[in-house]
Amino acid sequence: MSEQEQIKLFAQIREGIIKAQRELFERKVKLGETVVVADENGMPVHISAEEALRRLNANNPQ
C-alpha cells in the first residue's frame, strides 16, 4: 500500500469515527443523556450530550 493510499484510508477511518460519534451524541441528546469525557487533567467528567455534540461539531464541521 502506497503512502497516498494509507493517507486516504486513515482519512476515511477518521471520517467514519466522527460520523459514528455524531450519531451516538444525537441519539443521546434525544434521550436526554450525558456523555463522559476527559478534562484537561485526564479525569472523567459528565457533560450533557448537547454540549458534547456542540464540541464535536465545532472541532469537526460537516
N, C-alpha and C. Protein backbone atom coordinates (compact mmCIF):
# COMPACT_ATOMS: atom_id res chain seq x y z
N MET A 1 0.86 -1.17 0.00
CA MET A 1 0.00 0.00 0.00
C MET A 1 0.90 1.23 0.00
N SER A 2 0.61 2.13 -0.93
CA SER A 2 1.42 3.34 -1.03
C SER A 2 1.09 4.30 0.10
N GLU A 3 1.94 5.28 0.25
CA GLU A 3 1.73 6.29 1.31
C GLU A 3 0.45 7.07 1.06
N GLN A 4 0.17 7.40 -0.19
CA GLN A 4 -1.06 8.13 -0.52
C GLN A 4 -2.30 7.29 -0.20
N GLU A 5 -2.23 6.00 -0.48
CA GLU A 5 -3.35 5.12 -0.16
C GLU A 5 -3.57 5.04 1.35
N GLN A 6 -2.47 5.01 2.10
CA GLN A 6 -2.57 4.98 3.55
C GLN A 6 -3.21 6.26 4.08
N ILE A 7 -2.79 7.38 3.54
CA ILE A 7 -3.34 8.67 3.96
C ILE A 7 -4.85 8.70 3.69
N LYS A 8 -5.25 8.23 2.50
CA LYS A 8 -6.67 8.20 2.15
C LYS A 8 -7.44 7.27 3.08
N LEU A 9 -6.87 6.10 3.37
CA LEU A 9 -7.51 5.13 4.26
C LEU A 9 -7.69 5.72 5.65
N PHE A 10 -6.65 6.35 6.19
CA PHE A 10 -6.74 6.94 7.53
C PHE A 10 -7.76 8.07 7.57
N ALA A 11 -7.88 8.85 6.50
CA ALA A 11 -8.87 9.92 6.44
C ALA A 11 -10.28 9.32 6.44
N GLN A 12 -10.47 8.24 5.71
CA GLN A 12 -11.78 7.58 5.68
C GLN A 12 -12.14 7.00 7.05
N ILE A 13 -11.16 6.42 7.72
CA ILE A 13 -11.39 5.87 9.06
C ILE A 13 -11.78 6.99 10.02
N ARG A 14 -11.05 8.10 9.97
CA ARG A 14 -11.34 9.24 10.84
C ARG A 14 -12.76 9.77 10.59
N GLU A 15 -13.14 9.90 9.32
CA GLU A 15 -14.48 10.38 8.98
C GLU A 15 -15.54 9.42 9.52
N GLY A 16 -15.28 8.13 9.43
CA GLY A 16 -16.22 7.13 9.95
C GLY A 16 -16.38 7.23 11.45
N ILE A 17 -15.28 7.43 12.15
CA ILE A 17 -15.33 7.57 13.61
C ILE A 17 -16.12 8.82 14.00
N ILE A 18 -15.87 9.92 13.33
CA ILE A 18 -16.58 11.17 13.63
C ILE A 18 -18.07 11.01 13.35
N LYS A 19 -18.41 10.34 12.24
CA LYS A 19 -19.82 10.10 11.90
C LYS A 19 -20.49 9.26 13.00
N ALA A 20 -19.81 8.22 13.45
CA ALA A 20 -20.37 7.35 14.49
C ALA A 20 -20.55 8.12 15.80
N GLN A 21 -19.57 8.96 16.15
CA GLN A 21 -19.70 9.77 17.36
C GLN A 21 -20.87 10.73 17.25
N ARG A 22 -21.01 11.37 16.09
CA ARG A 22 -22.10 12.33 15.89
C ARG A 22 -23.45 11.63 16.04
N GLU A 23 -23.58 10.45 15.45
CA GLU A 23 -24.84 9.71 15.55
C GLU A 23 -25.12 9.30 17.00
N LEU A 24 -24.08 8.87 17.71
CA LEU A 24 -24.25 8.49 19.12
C LEU A 24 -24.69 9.70 19.95
N PHE A 25 -24.03 10.84 19.77
CA PHE A 25 -24.37 12.03 20.54
C PHE A 25 -25.77 12.52 20.20
N GLU A 26 -26.17 12.45 18.92
CA GLU A 26 -27.52 12.86 18.54
C GLU A 26 -28.56 11.99 19.22
N ARG A 27 -28.29 10.68 19.28
CA ARG A 27 -29.23 9.78 19.96
C ARG A 27 -29.30 10.10 21.45
N LYS A 28 -28.16 10.38 22.06
CA LYS A 28 -28.12 10.70 23.48
C LYS A 28 -28.84 12.03 23.77
N VAL A 29 -28.75 12.98 22.84
CA VAL A 29 -29.47 14.25 23.00
C VAL A 29 -30.96 13.97 23.07
N LYS A 30 -31.45 13.14 22.15
CA LYS A 30 -32.89 12.83 22.11
C LYS A 30 -33.35 12.14 23.39
N LEU A 31 -32.45 11.35 23.99
CA LEU A 31 -32.79 10.63 25.21
C LEU A 31 -32.50 11.43 26.48
N GLY A 32 -31.89 12.61 26.33
CA GLY A 32 -31.57 13.45 27.48
C GLY A 32 -30.44 12.89 28.34
N GLU A 33 -29.52 12.18 27.73
CA GLU A 33 -28.44 11.55 28.47
C GLU A 33 -27.19 12.42 28.52
N THR A 34 -26.23 11.98 29.33
CA THR A 34 -24.95 12.67 29.43
C THR A 34 -23.87 11.84 28.73
N VAL A 35 -22.72 12.48 28.56
CA VAL A 35 -21.56 11.84 27.95
C VAL A 35 -20.39 12.03 28.90
N VAL A 36 -19.55 11.01 29.03
CA VAL A 36 -18.36 11.11 29.88
C VAL A 36 -17.17 11.45 28.98
N VAL A 37 -16.48 12.54 29.31
CA VAL A 37 -15.28 12.96 28.59
C VAL A 37 -14.17 13.18 29.61
N ALA A 38 -12.96 13.31 29.12
CA ALA A 38 -11.82 13.58 29.99
C ALA A 38 -11.56 15.08 30.02
N ASP A 39 -11.28 15.61 31.22
CA ASP A 39 -10.91 17.02 31.32
C ASP A 39 -9.44 17.18 30.98
N GLU A 40 -8.90 18.39 31.16
CA GLU A 40 -7.50 18.66 30.80
C GLU A 40 -6.51 17.85 31.62
N ASN A 41 -6.93 17.33 32.76
CA ASN A 41 -6.06 16.50 33.60
C ASN A 41 -6.29 15.01 33.39
N GLY A 42 -7.17 14.67 32.45
CA GLY A 42 -7.46 13.28 32.18
C GLY A 42 -8.50 12.65 33.09
N MET A 43 -9.14 13.47 33.91
CA MET A 43 -10.15 12.96 34.82
C MET A 43 -11.51 12.93 34.13
N PRO A 44 -12.32 11.91 34.40
CA PRO A 44 -13.63 11.83 33.76
C PRO A 44 -14.59 12.90 34.26
N VAL A 45 -15.36 13.46 33.32
CA VAL A 45 -16.33 14.50 33.63
C VAL A 45 -17.59 14.20 32.82
N HIS A 46 -18.76 14.32 33.46
CA HIS A 46 -20.03 14.16 32.76
C HIS A 46 -20.46 15.51 32.20
N ILE A 47 -20.78 15.52 30.91
CA ILE A 47 -21.34 16.72 30.28
C ILE A 47 -22.61 16.31 29.56
N SER A 48 -23.45 17.28 29.26
CA SER A 48 -24.68 16.97 28.54
C SER A 48 -24.34 16.52 27.13
N ALA A 49 -25.20 15.72 26.56
CA ALA A 49 -24.99 15.28 25.19
C ALA A 49 -25.03 16.47 24.23
N GLU A 50 -25.84 17.48 24.56
CA GLU A 50 -25.89 18.68 23.73
C GLU A 50 -24.52 19.35 23.66
N GLU A 51 -23.87 19.46 24.83
CA GLU A 51 -22.54 20.07 24.87
C GLU A 51 -21.52 19.21 24.11
N ALA A 52 -21.60 17.91 24.25
CA ALA A 52 -20.68 17.01 23.55
C ALA A 52 -20.86 17.15 22.04
N LEU A 53 -22.09 17.22 21.58
CA LEU A 53 -22.37 17.38 20.15
C LEU A 53 -21.88 18.74 19.66
N ARG A 54 -22.09 19.76 20.46
CA ARG A 54 -21.62 21.10 20.12
C ARG A 54 -20.09 21.11 19.95
N ARG A 55 -19.39 20.46 20.89
CA ARG A 55 -17.93 20.41 20.82
C ARG A 55 -17.46 19.63 19.60
N LEU A 56 -18.12 18.50 19.33
CA LEU A 56 -17.75 17.69 18.16
C LEU A 56 -17.95 18.48 16.88
N ASN A 57 -19.07 19.16 16.76
CA ASN A 57 -19.35 19.94 15.55
C ASN A 57 -18.40 21.13 15.41
N ALA A 58 -17.99 21.72 16.53
CA ALA A 58 -17.07 22.85 16.47
C ALA A 58 -15.69 22.41 16.01
N ASN A 59 -15.28 21.21 16.44
CA ASN A 59 -13.95 20.70 16.07
C ASN A 59 -13.93 19.99 14.73
N ASN A 60 -15.10 19.56 14.25
CA ASN A 60 -15.19 18.81 13.00
C ASN A 60 -16.41 19.24 12.21
N PRO A 61 -16.36 20.41 11.60
CA PRO A 61 -17.52 20.88 10.83
C PRO A 61 -17.85 19.89 9.70
N GLN A 62 -19.12 19.76 9.40
CA GLN A 62 -19.54 18.81 8.37
C GLN A 62 -19.18 19.27 7.03
